[in-house]
Amino acid sequence: MGTLQKQKYIKEILTKLQLSIPNFAGLLYEELYVDGYDSYGVRDADEERKFAEKIKKQLSRPTTPETTLNQYLEILAQQPGYEALKLGYVHSRYVPHTCLSDEMTKVMRNISAELDARAEQE
């Protein structure tokens, strides 16, 4: 799944979870930047607005790194209503395993990249 597909998918999930960009930005901010020792009640409204604008831009720019979008998808997958949506999205992760040779892993990676490219063309 490429950048454009992930952006579209995140937007679909937000719609289905009934989360606005500012609400999603609040979730992301807490997950990424607030540790257990910070005061949750104190927030800078201007900082929140800027962060929401940043997220909005990241969900529309084709240059947004896939790692950023993967992080957002992981956070969305942790939301209580996500499982009930039954969207069928499985976050792919590479786990090295000794049962596959390096050559087979390379071939499978190439197949995956080709499928991603075809899906983006659709």
PDB file of N, CA and C in Angstrom:
ATOM      1  N   MET A   1       0.861  -1.170   0.000  1.00  0.00           N
ATOM      2  CA  MET A   1       0.000   0.000   0.000  1.00  0.00           C
ATOM      3  C   MET A   1       0.902   1.226   0.000  1.00  0.00           C
ATOM      4  N   GLY A   2       0.705   2.102  -0.970  1.00  0.00           N
ATOM      5  CA  GLY A   2       1.537   3.286  -1.098  1.00  0.00           C
ATOM      6  C   GLY A   2       1.005   4.467  -0.302  1.00  0.00           C
ATOM      7  N   THR A   3       1.714   5.569  -0.410  1.00  0.00           N
ATOM      8  CA  THR A   3       1.374   6.778   0.344  1.00  0.00           C
ATOM      9  C   THR A   3      -0.052   7.251   0.070  1.00  0.00           C
ATOM     10  N   LEU A   4      -0.408   7.360  -1.208  1.00  0.00           N
ATOM     11  CA  LEU A   4      -1.739   7.871  -1.557  1.00  0.00           C
ATOM     12  C   LEU A   4      -2.845   6.953  -1.040  1.00  0.00           C
ATOM     13  N   GLN A   5      -2.617   5.657  -1.139  1.00  0.00           N
ATOM     14  CA  GLN A   5      -3.604   4.696  -0.640  1.00  0.00           C
ATOM     15  C   GLN A   5      -3.749   4.794   0.877  1.00  0.00           C
ATOM     16  N   LYS A   6      -2.633   4.932   1.558  1.00  0.00           N
ATOM     17  CA  LYS A   6      -2.674   5.031   3.019  1.00  0.00           C
ATOM     18  C   LYS A   6      -3.381   6.309   3.455  1.00  0.00           C
ATOM     19  N   GLN A   7      -3.115   7.398   2.754  1.00  0.00           N
ATOM     20  CA  GLN A   7      -3.794   8.652   3.084  1.00  0.00           C
ATOM     21  C   GLN A   7      -5.303   8.500   2.912  1.00  0.00           C
ATOM     22  N   LYS A   8      -5.704   7.903   1.809  1.00  0.00           N
ATOM     23  CA  LYS A   8      -7.131   7.687   1.545  1.00  0.00           C
ATOM     24  C   LYS A   8      -7.735   6.775   2.609  1.00  0.00           C
ATOM     25  N   TYR A   9      -7.001   5.738   2.961  1.00  0.00           N
ATOM     26  CA  TYR A   9      -7.482   4.785   3.950  1.00  0.00           C
ATOM     27  C   TYR A   9      -7.640   5.443   5.320  1.00  0.00           C
ATOM     28  N   ILE A  10      -6.684   6.268   5.707  1.00  0.00           N
ATOM     29  CA  ILE A  10      -6.766   6.976   6.995  1.00  0.00           C
ATOM     30  C   ILE A  10      -7.990   7.878   7.010  1.00  0.00           C
ATOM     31  N   LYS A  11      -8.228   8.584   5.918  1.00  0.00           N
ATOM     32  CA  LYS A  11      -9.396   9.464   5.843  1.00  0.00           C
ATOM     33  C   LYS A  11     -10.697   8.666   5.951  1.00  0.00           C
ATOM     34  N   GLU A  12     -10.741   7.499   5.311  1.00  0.00           N
ATOM     35  CA  GLU A  12     -11.934   6.641   5.403  1.00  0.00           C
ATOM     36  C   GLU A  12     -12.164   6.174   6.841  1.00  0.00           C
ATOM     37  N   ILE A  13     -11.091   5.789   7.502  1.00  0.00           N
ATOM     38  CA  ILE A  13     -11.206   5.335   8.892  1.00  0.00           C
ATOM     39  C   ILE A  13     -11.700   6.477   9.773  1.00  0.00           C
ATOM     40  N   LEU A  14     -11.141   7.663   9.577  1.00  0.00           N
ATOM     41  CA  LEU A  14     -11.562   8.820  10.369  1.00  0.00           C
ATOM     42  C   LEU A  14     -13.050   9.084  10.179  1.00  0.00           C
ATOM     43  N   THR A  15     -13.519   8.984   8.944  1.00  0.00           N
ATOM     44  CA  THR A  15     -14.943   9.185   8.665  1.00  0.00           C
ATOM     45  C   THR A  15     -15.786   8.131   9.372  1.00  0.00           C
ATOM     46  N   LYS A  16     -15.364   6.885   9.271  1.00  0.00           N
ATOM     47  CA  LYS A  16     -16.136   5.791   9.877  1.00  0.00           C
ATOM     48  C   LYS A  16     -16.114   5.842  11.402  1.00  0.00           C
ATOM     49  N   LEU A  17     -15.008   6.334  11.964  1.00  0.00           N
ATOM     50  CA  LEU A  17     -14.915   6.471  13.421  1.00  0.00           C
ATOM     51  C   LEU A  17     -15.510   7.797  13.901  1.00  0.00           C
ATOM     52  N   GLN A  18     -15.955   8.598  12.945  1.00  0.00           N
ATOM     53  CA  GLN A  18     -16.531   9.916  13.233  1.00  0.00           C
ATOM     54  C   GLN A  18     -15.544  10.805  13.994  1.00  0.00           C
ATOM     55  N   LEU A  19     -14.325  10.796  13.504  1.00  0.00           N
ATOM     56  CA  LEU A  19     -13.268  11.627  14.080  1.00  0.00           C
ATOM     57  C   LEU A  19     -12.928  12.743  13.104  1.00  0.00           C
ATOM     58  N   SER A  20     -12.950  13.963  13.571  1.00  0.00           N
ATOM     59  CA  SER A  20     -12.506  15.082  12.743  1.00  0.00           C
ATOM     60  C   SER A  20     -10.981  15.131  12.787  1.00  0.00           C
ATOM     61  N   ILE A  21     -10.403  15.907  11.885  1.00  0.00           N
ATOM     62  CA  ILE A  21      -8.941  16.068  11.879  1.00  0.00           C
ATOM     63  C   ILE A  21      -8.452  16.641  13.217  1.00  0.00           C
ATOM     64  N   PRO A  22      -9.123  17.683  13.777  1.00  0.00           N
ATOM     65  CA  PRO A  22      -8.661  18.187  15.081  1.00  0.00           C
ATOM     66  C   PRO A  22      -8.747  17.135  16.197  1.00  0.00           C
ATOM     67  N   ASN A  23      -9.793  16.318  16.180  1.00  0.00           N
ATOM     68  CA  ASN A  23      -9.900  15.259  17.196  1.00  0.00           C
ATOM     69  C   ASN A  23      -8.800  14.221  17.015  1.00  0.00           C
ATOM     70  N   PHE A  24      -8.568  13.848  15.761  1.00  0.00           N
ATOM     71  CA  PHE A  24      -7.503  12.895  15.457  1.00  0.00           C
ATOM     72  C   PHE A  24      -6.153  13.465  15.854  1.00  0.00           C
ATOM     73  N   ALA A  25      -5.953  14.746  15.576  1.00  0.00           N
ATOM     74  CA  ALA A  25      -4.697  15.396  15.951  1.00  0.00           C
ATOM     75  C   ALA A  25      -4.499  15.350  17.463  1.00  0.00           C
ATOM     76  N   GLY A  26      -5.587  15.532  18.216  1.00  0.00           N
ATOM     77  CA  GLY A  26      -5.496  15.435  19.676  1.00  0.00           C
ATOM     78  C   GLY A  26      -5.064  14.052  20.121  1.00  0.00           C
ATOM     79  N   LEU A  27      -5.636  13.014  19.484  1.00  0.00           N
ATOM     80  CA  LEU A  27      -5.231  11.638  19.804  1.00  0.00           C
ATOM     81  C   LEU A  27      -3.760  11.412  19.486  1.00  0.00           C
ATOM     82  N   LEU A  28      -3.353  11.870  18.313  1.00  0.00           N
ATOM     83  CA  LEU A  28      -1.955  11.705  17.906  1.00  0.00           C
ATOM     84  C   LEU A  28      -1.010  12.440  18.849  1.00  0.00           C
ATOM     85  N   TYR A  29      -1.377  13.652  19.189  1.00  0.00           N
ATOM     86  CA  TYR A  29      -0.530  14.447  20.060  1.00  0.00           C
ATOM     87  C   TYR A  29      -0.325  13.747  21.402  1.00  0.00           C
ATOM     88  N   GLU A  30      -1.410  13.250  21.964  1.00  0.00           N
ATOM     89  CA  GLU A  30      -1.287  12.548  23.246  1.00  0.00           C
ATOM     90  C   GLU A  30      -0.447  11.292  23.111  1.00  0.00           C
ATOM     91  N   GLU A  31      -0.661  10.551  22.038  1.00  0.00           N
ATOM     92  CA  GLU A  31       0.065   9.295  21.841  1.00  0.00           C
ATOM     93  C   GLU A  31       1.553   9.523  21.580  1.00  0.00           C
ATOM     94  N   LEU A  32       1.859  10.549  20.797  1.00  0.00           N
ATOM     95  CA  LEU A  32       3.237  10.758  20.371  1.00  0.00           C
ATOM     96  C   LEU A  32       4.065  11.630  21.310  1.00  0.00           C
ATOM     97  N   TYR A  33       3.412  12.601  21.959  1.00  0.00           N
ATOM     98  CA  TYR A  33       4.189  13.603  22.688  1.00  0.00           C
ATOM     99  C   TYR A  33       3.906  13.715  24.184  1.00  0.00           C
ATOM    100  N   VAL A  34       2.812  13.150  24.658  1.00  0.00           N
ATOM    101  CA  VAL A  34       2.470  13.296  26.069  1.00  0.00           C
ATOM    102  C   VAL A  34       2.802  11.996  26.791  1.00  0.00           C
ATOM    103  N   ASP A  35       3.694  12.108  27.758  1.00  0.00           N
ATOM    104  CA  ASP A  35       3.987  10.913  28.554  1.00  0.00           C
ATOM    105  C   ASP A  35       3.106  10.919  29.803  1.00  0.00           C
ATOM    106  N   GLY A  36       3.216   9.910  30.582  1.00  0.00           N
ATOM    107  CA  GLY A  36       2.354   9.755  31.752  1.00  0.00           C
ATOM    108  C   GLY A  36       2.547  10.810  32.819  1.00  0.00           C
ATOM    109  N   TYR A  37       3.571  11.644  32.704  1.00  0.00           N
ATOM    110  CA  TYR A  37       3.857  12.618  33.745  1.00  0.00           C
ATOM    111  C   TYR A  37       3.401  14.030  33.396  1.00  0.00           C
ATOM    112  N   ASP A  38       2.999  14.239  32.135  1.00  0.00           N
ATOM    113  CA  ASP A  38       2.533  15.566  31.738  1.00  0.00           C
ATOM    114  C   ASP A  38       1.124  15.817  32.245  1.00  0.00           C
ATOM    115  N   SER A  39       0.789  17.077  32.360  1.00  0.00           N
ATOM    116  CA  SER A  39      -0.546  17.459  32.783  1.00  0.00           C
ATOM    117  C   SER A  39      -1.472  17.441  31.572  1.00  0.00           C
ATOM    118  N   TYR A  40      -2.477  16.573  31.609  1.00  0.00           N
ATOM    119  CA  TYR A  40      -3.388  16.447  30.477  1.00  0.00           C
ATOM    120  C   TYR A  40      -4.337  17.632  30.378  1.00  0.00           C
ATOM    121  N   GLY A  41      -4.603  18.311  31.449  1.00  0.00           N
ATOM    122  CA  GLY A  41      -5.567  19.395  31.446  1.00  0.00           C
ATOM    123  C   GLY A  41      -5.050  20.683  30.835  1.00  0.00           C
ATOM    124  N   VAL A  42      -3.745  20.806  30.686  1.00  0.00           N
ATOM    125  CA  VAL A  42      -3.171  22.051  30.190  1.00  0.00           C
ATOM    126  C   VAL A  42      -2.713  21.848  28.750  1.00  0.00           C
ATOM    127  N   ARG A  43      -3.366  22.592  27.838  1.00  0.00           N
ATOM    128  CA  ARG A  43      -2.988  22.519  26.434  1.00  0.00           C
ATOM    129  C   ARG A  43      -3.001  23.913  25.853  1.00  0.00           C
ATOM    130  N   ASP A  44      -2.134  24.115  24.931  1.00  0.00           N
ATOM    131  CA  ASP A  44      -2.073  25.382  24.222  1.00  0.00           C
ATOM    132  C   ASP A  44      -2.956  25.255  22.982  1.00  0.00           C
ATOM    133  N   ALA A  45      -4.033  26.049  22.905  1.00  0.00           N
ATOM    134  CA  ALA A  45      -4.990  25.971  21.802  1.00  0.00           C
ATOM    135  C   ALA A  45      -4.323  26.278  20.464  1.00  0.00           C
ATOM    136  N   ASP A  46      -3.409  27.221  20.461  1.00  0.00           N
ATOM    137  CA  ASP A  46      -2.722  27.578  19.225  1.00  0.00           C
ATOM    138  C   ASP A  46      -1.843  26.420  18.751  1.00  0.00           C
ATOM    139  N   GLU A  47      -1.166  25.777  19.687  1.00  0.00           N
ATOM    140  CA  GLU A  47      -0.318  24.633  19.359  1.00  0.00           C
ATOM    141  C   GLU A  47      -1.167  23.488  18.807  1.00  0.00           C
ATOM    142  N   GLU A  48      -2.324  23.242  19.405  1.00  0.00           N
ATOM    143  CA  GLU A  48      -3.230  22.200  18.930  1.00  0.00           C
ATOM    144  C   GLU A  48      -3.708  22.493  17.516  1.00  0.00           C
ATOM    145  N   ARG A  49      -4.073  23.741  17.246  1.00  0.00           N
ATOM    146  CA  ARG A  49      -4.546  24.129  15.927  1.00  0.00           C
ATOM    147  C   ARG A  49      -3.448  23.914  14.888  1.00  0.00           C
ATOM    148  N   LYS A  50      -2.219  24.311  15.212  1.00  0.00           N
ATOM    149  CA  LYS A  50      -1.093  24.139  14.294  1.00  0.00           C
ATOM    150  C   LYS A  50      -0.825  22.664  14.022  1.00  0.00           C
ATOM    151  N   PHE A  51      -0.927  21.855  15.071  1.00  0.00           N
ATOM    152  CA  PHE A  51      -0.693  20.426  14.915  1.00  0.00           C
ATOM    153  C   PHE A  51      -1.775  19.815  14.028  1.00  0.00           C
ATOM    154  N   ALA A  52      -3.022  20.228  14.203  1.00  0.00           N
ATOM    155  CA  ALA A  52      -4.123  19.735  13.373  1.00  0.00           C
ATOM    156  C   ALA A  52      -3.908  20.127  11.907  1.00  0.00           C
ATOM    157  N   GLU A  53      -3.426  21.327  11.669  1.00  0.00           N
ATOM    158  CA  GLU A  53      -3.139  21.766  10.297  1.00  0.00           C
ATOM    159  C   GLU A  53      -2.015  20.925   9.692  1.00  0.00           C
ATOM    160  N   LYS A  54      -1.020  20.612  10.500  1.00  0.00           N
ATOM    161  CA  LYS A  54       0.094  19.781  10.039  1.00  0.00           C
ATOM    162  C   LYS A  54      -0.417  18.403   9.625  1.00  0.00           C
ATOM    163  N   ILE A  55      -1.287  17.819  10.435  1.00  0.00           N
ATOM    164  CA  ILE A  55      -1.854  16.498  10.135  1.00  0.00           C
ATOM    165  C   ILE A  55      -2.675  16.569   8.853  1.00  0.00           C
ATOM    166  N   LYS A  56      -3.474  17.614   8.726  1.00  0.00           N
ATOM    167  CA  LYS A  56      -4.313  17.786   7.535  1.00  0.00           C
ATOM    168  C   LYS A  56      -3.446  17.830   6.273  1.00  0.00           C
ATOM    169  N   LYS A  57      -2.336  18.544   6.327  1.00  0.00           N
ATOM    170  CA  LYS A  57      -1.423  18.628   5.189  1.00  0.00           C
ATOM    171  C   LYS A  57      -0.763  17.286   4.908  1.00  0.00           C
ATOM    172  N   GLN A  58      -0.393  16.575   5.967  1.00  0.00           N
ATOM    173  CA  GLN A  58       0.247  15.271   5.783  1.00  0.00           C
ATOM    174  C   GLN A  58      -0.689  14.266   5.136  1.00  0.00           C
ATOM    175  N   LEU A  59      -1.983  14.429   5.351  1.00  0.00           N
ATOM    176  CA  LEU A  59      -2.956  13.508   4.760  1.00  0.00           C
ATOM    177  C   LEU A  59      -3.318  13.885   3.322  1.00  0.00           C
ATOM    178  N   SER A  60      -2.723  14.949   2.807  1.00  0.00           N
ATOM    179  CA  SER A  60      -3.021  15.333   1.430  1.00  0.00           C
ATOM    180  C   SER A  60      -1.772  15.429   0.538  1.00  0.00           C
ATOM    181  N   ARG A  61      -0.614  15.541   1.125  1.00  0.00           N
ATOM    182  CA  ARG A  61       0.614  15.666   0.337  1.00  0.00           C
ATOM    183  C   ARG A  61       1.133  14.297  -0.093  1.00  0.00           C
ATOM    184  N   PRO A  62       1.489  14.157  -1.362  1.00  0.00           N
ATOM    185  CA  PRO A  62       2.040  12.873  -1.816  1.00  0.00           C
ATOM    186  C   PRO A  62       3.456  12.618  -1.306  1.00  0.00           C
ATOM    187  N   THR A  63       4.081  13.630  -0.704  1.00  0.00           N
ATOM    188  CA  THR A  63       5.461  13.475  -0.212  1.00  0.00           C
ATOM    189  C   THR A  63       5.523  13.061   1.261  1.00  0.00           C
ATOM    190  N   THR A  64       4.368  12.857   1.880  1.00  0.00           N
ATOM    191  CA  THR A  64       4.370  12.437   3.288  1.00  0.00           C
ATOM    192  C   THR A  64       5.025  11.059   3.392  1.00  0.00           C
ATOM    193  N   PRO A  65       5.985  10.901   4.285  1.00  0.00           N
ATOM    194  CA  PRO A  65       6.651   9.601   4.424  1.00  0.00           C
ATOM    195  C   PRO A  65       5.675   8.500   4.855  1.00  0.00           C
ATOM    196  N   GLU A  66       5.829   7.330   4.263  1.00  0.00           N
ATOM    197  CA  GLU A  66       4.968   6.204   4.614  1.00  0.00           C
ATOM    198  C   GLU A  66       5.129   5.804   6.076  1.00  0.00           C
ATOM    199  N   THR A  67       6.310   6.020   6.638  1.00  0.00           N
ATOM    200  CA  THR A  67       6.518   5.669   8.044  1.00  0.00           C
ATOM    201  C   THR A  67       5.597   6.485   8.949  1.00  0.00           C
ATOM    202  N   THR A  68       5.391   7.753   8.581  1.00  0.00           N
ATOM    203  CA  THR A  68       4.486   8.614   9.349  1.00  0.00           C
ATOM    204  C   THR A  68       3.065   8.086   9.257  1.00  0.00           C
ATOM    205  N   LEU A  69       2.647   7.734   8.053  1.00  0.00           N
ATOM    206  CA  LEU A  69       1.285   7.224   7.849  1.00  0.00           C
ATOM    207  C   LEU A  69       1.096   5.873   8.548  1.00  0.00           C
ATOM    208  N   ASN A  70       2.132   5.048   8.529  1.00  0.00           N
ATOM    209  CA  ASN A  70       2.055   3.761   9.246  1.00  0.00           C
ATOM    210  C   ASN A  70       1.841   3.987  10.735  1.00  0.00           C
ATOM    211  N   GLN A  71       2.523   4.971  11.261  1.00  0.00           N
ATOM    212  CA  GLN A  71       2.382   5.311  12.679  1.00  0.00           C
ATOM    213  C   GLN A  71       0.948   5.751  12.972  1.00  0.00           C
ATOM    214  N   TYR A  72       0.371   6.549  12.089  1.00  0.00           N
ATOM    215  CA  TYR A  72      -1.004   7.005  12.259  1.00  0.00           C
ATOM    216  C   TYR A  72      -1.980   5.829  12.182  1.00  0.00           C
ATOM    217  N   LEU A  73      -1.722   4.908  11.259  1.00  0.00           N
ATOM    218  CA  LEU A  73      -2.593   3.731  11.138  1.00  0.00           C
ATOM    219  C   LEU A  73      -2.536   2.860  12.398  1.00  0.00           C
ATOM    220  N   GLU A  74      -1.349   2.729  12.955  1.00  0.00           N
ATOM    221  CA  GLU A  74      -1.216   1.949  14.185  1.00  0.00           C
ATOM    222  C   GLU A  74      -2.014   2.579  15.322  1.00  0.00           C
ATOM    223  N   ILE A  75      -1.955   3.896  15.426  1.00  0.00           N
ATOM    224  CA  ILE A  75      -2.686   4.600  16.481  1.00  0.00           C
ATOM    225  C   ILE A  75      -4.191   4.463  16.255  1.00  0.00           C
ATOM    226  N   LEU A  76      -4.617   4.566  15.013  1.00  0.00           N
ATOM    227  CA  LEU A  76      -6.044   4.392  14.707  1.00  0.00           C
ATOM    228  C   LEU A  76      -6.512   2.983  15.037  1.00  0.00           C
ATOM    229  N   ALA A  77      -5.666   2.001  14.762  1.00  0.00           N
ATOM    230  CA  ALA A  77      -6.031   0.610  15.028  1.00  0.00           C
ATOM    231  C   ALA A  77      -6.211   0.341  16.517  1.00  0.00           C
ATOM    232  N   GLN A  78      -5.662   1.193  17.364  1.00  0.00           N
ATOM    233  CA  GLN A  78      -5.796   1.030  18.814  1.00  0.00           C
ATOM    234  C   GLN A  78      -7.077   1.653  19.358  1.00  0.00           C
ATOM    235  N   GLN A  79      -7.804   2.379  18.515  1.00  0.00           N
ATOM    236  CA  GLN A  79      -9.018   3.052  18.980  1.00  0.00           C
ATOM    237  C   GLN A  79     -10.125   2.039  19.235  1.00  0.00           C
ATOM    238  N   PRO A  80     -10.953   2.283  20.245  1.00  0.00           N
ATOM    239  CA  PRO A  80     -11.981   1.317  20.633  1.00  0.00           C
ATOM    240  C   PRO A  80     -12.934   0.909  19.497  1.00  0.00           C
ATOM    241  N   GLY A  81     -13.335   1.825  18.652  1.00  0.00           N
ATOM    242  CA  GLY A  81     -14.296   1.503  17.609  1.00  0.00           C
ATOM    243  C   GLY A  81     -13.698   0.866  16.371  1.00  0.00           C
ATOM    244  N   TYR A  82     -12.384   0.790  16.293  1.00  0.00           N
ATOM    245  CA  TYR A  82     -11.719   0.295  15.088  1.00  0.00           C
ATOM    246  C   TYR A  82     -12.069  -1.163  14.793  1.00  0.00           C
ATOM    247  N   GLU A  83     -11.988  -2.009  15.790  1.00  0.00           N
ATOM    248  CA  GLU A  83     -12.262  -3.435  15.600  1.00  0.00           C
ATOM    249  C   GLU A  83     -13.679  -3.675  15.082  1.00  0.00           C
ATOM    250  N   ALA A  84     -14.629  -2.894  15.586  1.00  0.00           N
ATOM    251  CA  ALA A  84     -16.023  -3.060  15.194  1.00  0.00           C
ATOM    252  C   ALA A  84     -16.249  -2.725  13.721  1.00  0.00           C
ATOM    253  N   LEU A  85     -15.366  -1.935  13.130  1.00  0.00           N
ATOM    254  CA  LEU A  85     -15.516  -1.564  11.725  1.00  0.00           C
ATOM    255  C   LEU A  85     -15.231  -2.727  10.781  1.00  0.00           C
ATOM    256  N   LYS A  86     -14.431  -3.674  11.244  1.00  0.00           N
ATOM    257  CA  LYS A  86     -14.066  -4.854  10.448  1.00  0.00           C
ATOM    258  C   LYS A  86     -13.599  -4.455   9.051  1.00  0.00           C
ATOM    259  N   LEU A  87     -12.614  -3.601   9.018  1.00  0.00           N
ATOM    260  CA  LEU A  87     -12.113  -3.084   7.749  1.00  0.00           C
ATOM    261  C   LEU A  87     -11.164  -4.042   7.042  1.00  0.00           C
ATOM    262  N   GLY A  88     -10.643  -4.990   7.759  1.00  0.00           N
ATOM    263  CA  GLY A  88      -9.771  -5.974   7.139  1.00  0.00           C
ATOM    264  C   GLY A  88      -8.356  -5.496   6.906  1.00  0.00           C
ATOM    265  N   TYR A  89      -8.006  -4.340   7.445  1.00  0.00           N
ATOM    266  CA  TYR A  89      -6.644  -3.845   7.270  1.00  0.00           C
ATOM    267  C   TYR A  89      -5.723  -4.540   8.260  1.00  0.00           C
ATOM    268  N   VAL A  90      -4.666  -5.095   7.742  1.00  0.00           N
ATOM    269  CA  VAL A  90      -3.647  -5.709   8.587  1.00  0.00           C
ATOM    270  C   VAL A  90      -2.360  -4.937   8.355  1.00  0.00           C
ATOM    271  N   HIS A  91      -1.845  -4.392   9.416  1.00  0.00           N
ATOM    272  CA  HIS A  91      -0.616  -3.616   9.300  1.00  0.00           C
ATOM    273  C   HIS A  91       0.540  -4.578   9.049  1.00  0.00           C
ATOM    274  N   SER A  92       1.199  -4.414   7.914  1.00  0.00           N
ATOM    275  CA  SER A  92       2.287  -5.328   7.571  1.00  0.00           C
ATOM    276  C   SER A  92       3.561  -4.936   8.293  1.00  0.00           C
ATOM    277  N   ARG A  93       4.252  -5.923   8.711  1.00  0.00           N
ATOM    278  CA  ARG A  93       5.495  -5.754   9.442  1.00  0.00           C
ATOM    279  C   ARG A  93       6.463  -6.832   9.027  1.00  0.00           C
ATOM    280  N   TYR A  94       7.675  -6.471   8.804  1.00  0.00           N
ATOM    281  CA  TYR A  94       8.673  -7.476   8.454  1.00  0.00           C
ATOM    282  C   TYR A  94       9.221  -8.110   9.724  1.00  0.00           C
ATOM    283  N   VAL A  95       9.135  -9.421   9.752  1.00  0.00           N
ATOM    284  CA  VAL A  95       9.685 -10.177  10.870  1.00  0.00           C
ATOM    285  C   VAL A  95      10.658 -11.185  10.278  1.00  0.00           C
ATOM    286  N   PRO A  96      11.947 -11.014  10.537  1.00  0.00           N
ATOM    287  CA  PRO A  96      12.918 -11.947   9.958  1.00  0.00           C
ATOM    288  C   PRO A  96      12.683 -13.363  10.477  1.00  0.00           C
ATOM    289  N   HIS A  97      12.814 -14.299   9.562  1.00  0.00           N
ATOM    290  CA  HIS A  97      12.562 -15.694   9.944  1.00  0.00           C
ATOM    291  C   HIS A  97      13.561 -16.573   9.212  1.00  0.00           C
ATOM    292  N   THR A  98      13.996 -17.616   9.850  1.00  0.00           N
ATOM    293  CA  THR A  98      15.027 -18.476   9.279  1.00  0.00           C
ATOM    294  C   THR A  98      14.475 -19.480   8.269  1.00  0.00           C
ATOM    295  N   CYS A  99      13.159 -19.639   8.173  1.00  0.00           N
ATOM    296  CA  CYS A  99      12.618 -20.638   7.251  1.00  0.00           C
ATOM    297  C   CYS A  99      12.670 -20.175   5.798  1.00  0.00           C
ATOM    298  N   LEU A 100      12.863 -18.889   5.554  1.00  0.00           N
ATOM    299  CA  LEU A 100      12.971 -18.369   4.190  1.00  0.00           C
ATOM    300  C   LEU A 100      14.405 -17.948   3.907  1.00  0.00           C
ATOM    301  N   SER A 101      14.854 -18.315   2.719  1.00  0.00           N
ATOM    302  CA  SER A 101      16.207 -17.907   2.331  1.00  0.00           C
ATOM    303  C   SER A 101      16.202 -16.421   1.993  1.00  0.00           C
ATOM    304  N   ASP A 102      17.381 -15.847   1.942  1.00  0.00           N
ATOM    305  CA  ASP A 102      17.501 -14.433   1.583  1.00  0.00           C
ATOM    306  C   ASP A 102      16.969 -14.183   0.175  1.00  0.00           C
ATOM    307  N   GLU A 103      17.218 -15.143  -0.722  1.00  0.00           N
ATOM    308  CA  GLU A 103      16.739 -15.001  -2.101  1.00  0.00           C
ATOM    309  C   GLU A 103      15.210 -15.003  -2.157  1.00  0.00           C
ATOM    310  N   MET A 104      14.584 -15.890  -1.413  1.00  0.00           N
ATOM    311  CA  MET A 104      13.116 -15.962  -1.390  1.00  0.00           C
ATOM    312  C   MET A 104      12.522 -14.692  -0.784  1.00  0.00           C
ATOM    313  N   THR A 105      13.149 -14.179   0.253  1.00  0.00           N
ATOM    314  CA  THR A 105      12.683 -12.936   0.881  1.00  0.00           C
ATOM    315  C   THR A 105      12.764 -11.788  -0.123  1.00  0.00           C
ATOM    316  N   LYS A 106      13.852 -11.735  -0.897  1.00  0.00           N
ATOM    317  CA  LYS A 106      14.013 -10.686  -1.900  1.00  0.00           C
ATOM    318  C   LYS A 106      12.927 -10.799  -2.973  1.00  0.00           C
ATOM    319  N   VAL A 107      12.641 -11.997  -3.449  1.00  0.00           N
ATOM    320  CA  VAL A 107      11.610 -12.206  -4.463  1.00  0.00           C
ATOM    321  C   VAL A 107      10.250 -11.781  -3.931  1.00  0.00           C
ATOM    322  N   MET A 108       9.949 -12.150  -2.703  1.00  0.00           N
ATOM    323  CA  MET A 108       8.659 -11.784  -2.106  1.00  0.00           C
ATOM    324  C   MET A 108       8.547 -10.272  -1.929  1.00  0.00           C
ATOM    325  N   ARG A 109       9.633  -9.620  -1.564  1.00  0.00           N
ATOM    326  CA  ARG A 109       9.634  -8.165  -1.420  1.00  0.00           C
ATOM    327  C   ARG A 109       9.366  -7.500  -2.773  1.00  0.00           C
ATOM    328  N   ASN A 110       9.964  -8.041  -3.847  1.00  0.00           N
ATOM    329  CA  ASN A 110       9.738  -7.502  -5.185  1.00  0.00           C
ATOM    330  C   ASN A 110       8.289  -7.689  -5.624  1.00  0.00           C
ATOM    331  N   ILE A 111       7.711  -8.826  -5.340  1.00  0.00           N
ATOM    332  CA  ILE A 111       6.311  -9.085  -5.671  1.00  0.00           C
ATOM    333  C   ILE A 111       5.414  -8.104  -4.933  1.00  0.00           C
ATOM    334  N   SER A 112       5.698  -7.886  -3.670  1.00  0.00           N
ATOM    335  CA  SER A 112       4.914  -6.956  -2.863  1.00  0.00           C
ATOM    336  C   SER A 112       4.998  -5.540  -3.432  1.00  0.00           C
ATOM    337  N   ALA A 113       6.188  -5.118  -3.821  1.00  0.00           N
ATOM    338  CA  ALA A 113       6.366  -3.784  -4.391  1.00  0.00           C
ATOM    339  C   ALA A 113       5.603  -3.652  -5.708  1.00  0.00           C
ATOM    340  N   GLU A 114       5.614  -4.703  -6.514  1.00  0.00           N
ATOM    341  CA  GLU A 114       4.880  -4.682  -7.783  1.00  0.00           C
ATOM    342  C   GLU A 114       3.377  -4.588  -7.552  1.00  0.00           C
ATOM    343  N   LEU A 115       2.874  -5.326  -6.587  1.00  0.00           N
ATOM    344  CA  LEU A 115       1.445  -5.264  -6.260  1.00  0.00           C
ATOM    345  C   LEU A 115       1.045  -3.890  -5.738  1.00  0.00           C
ATOM    346  N   ASP A 116       1.909  -3.295  -4.930  1.00  0.00           N
ATOM    347  CA  ASP A 116       1.647  -1.926  -4.444  1.00  0.00           C
ATOM    348  C   ASP A 116       1.579  -0.943  -5.609  1.00  0.00           C
ATOM    349  N   ALA A 117       2.516  -1.083  -6.555  1.00  0.00           N
ATOM    350  CA  ALA A 117       2.527  -0.171  -7.700  1.00  0.00           C
ATOM    351  C   ALA A 117       1.279  -0.335  -8.544  1.00  0.00           C
ATOM    352  N   ARG A 118       0.827  -1.556  -8.742  1.00  0.00           N
ATOM    353  CA  ARG A 118      -0.396  -1.800  -9.519  1.00  0.00           C
ATOM    354  C   ARG A 118      -1.615  -1.229  -8.800  1.00  0.00           C
ATOM    355  N   ALA A 119      -1.662  -1.398  -7.494  1.00  0.00           N
ATOM    356  CA  ALA A 119      -2.810  -0.903  -6.717  1.00  0.00           C
ATOM    357  C   ALA A 119      -2.876   0.617  -6.756  1.00  0.00           C
ATOM    358  N   GLU A 120      -1.727   1.282  -6.785  1.00  0.00           N
ATOM    359  CA  GLU A 120      -1.708   2.750  -6.839  1.00  0.00           C
ATOM    360  C   GLU A 120      -2.183   3.270  -8.186  1.00  0.00           C
ATOM    361  N   GLN A 121      -1.977   2.483  -9.242  1.00  0.00           N
ATOM    362  CA  GLN A 121      -2.400   2.889 -10.574  1.00  0.00           C
ATOM    363  C   GLN A 121      -3.927   2.825 -10.730  1.00  0.00           C
ATOM    364  N   GLU A 122      -4.571   1.997  -9.931  1.00  0.00           N
ATOM    365  CA  GLU A 122      -6.026   1.829 -10.034  1.00  0.00           C
ATOM    366  C   GLU A 122      -6.780   2.967  -9.497  1.00  0.00           C
TER     367      GLU A 122
END
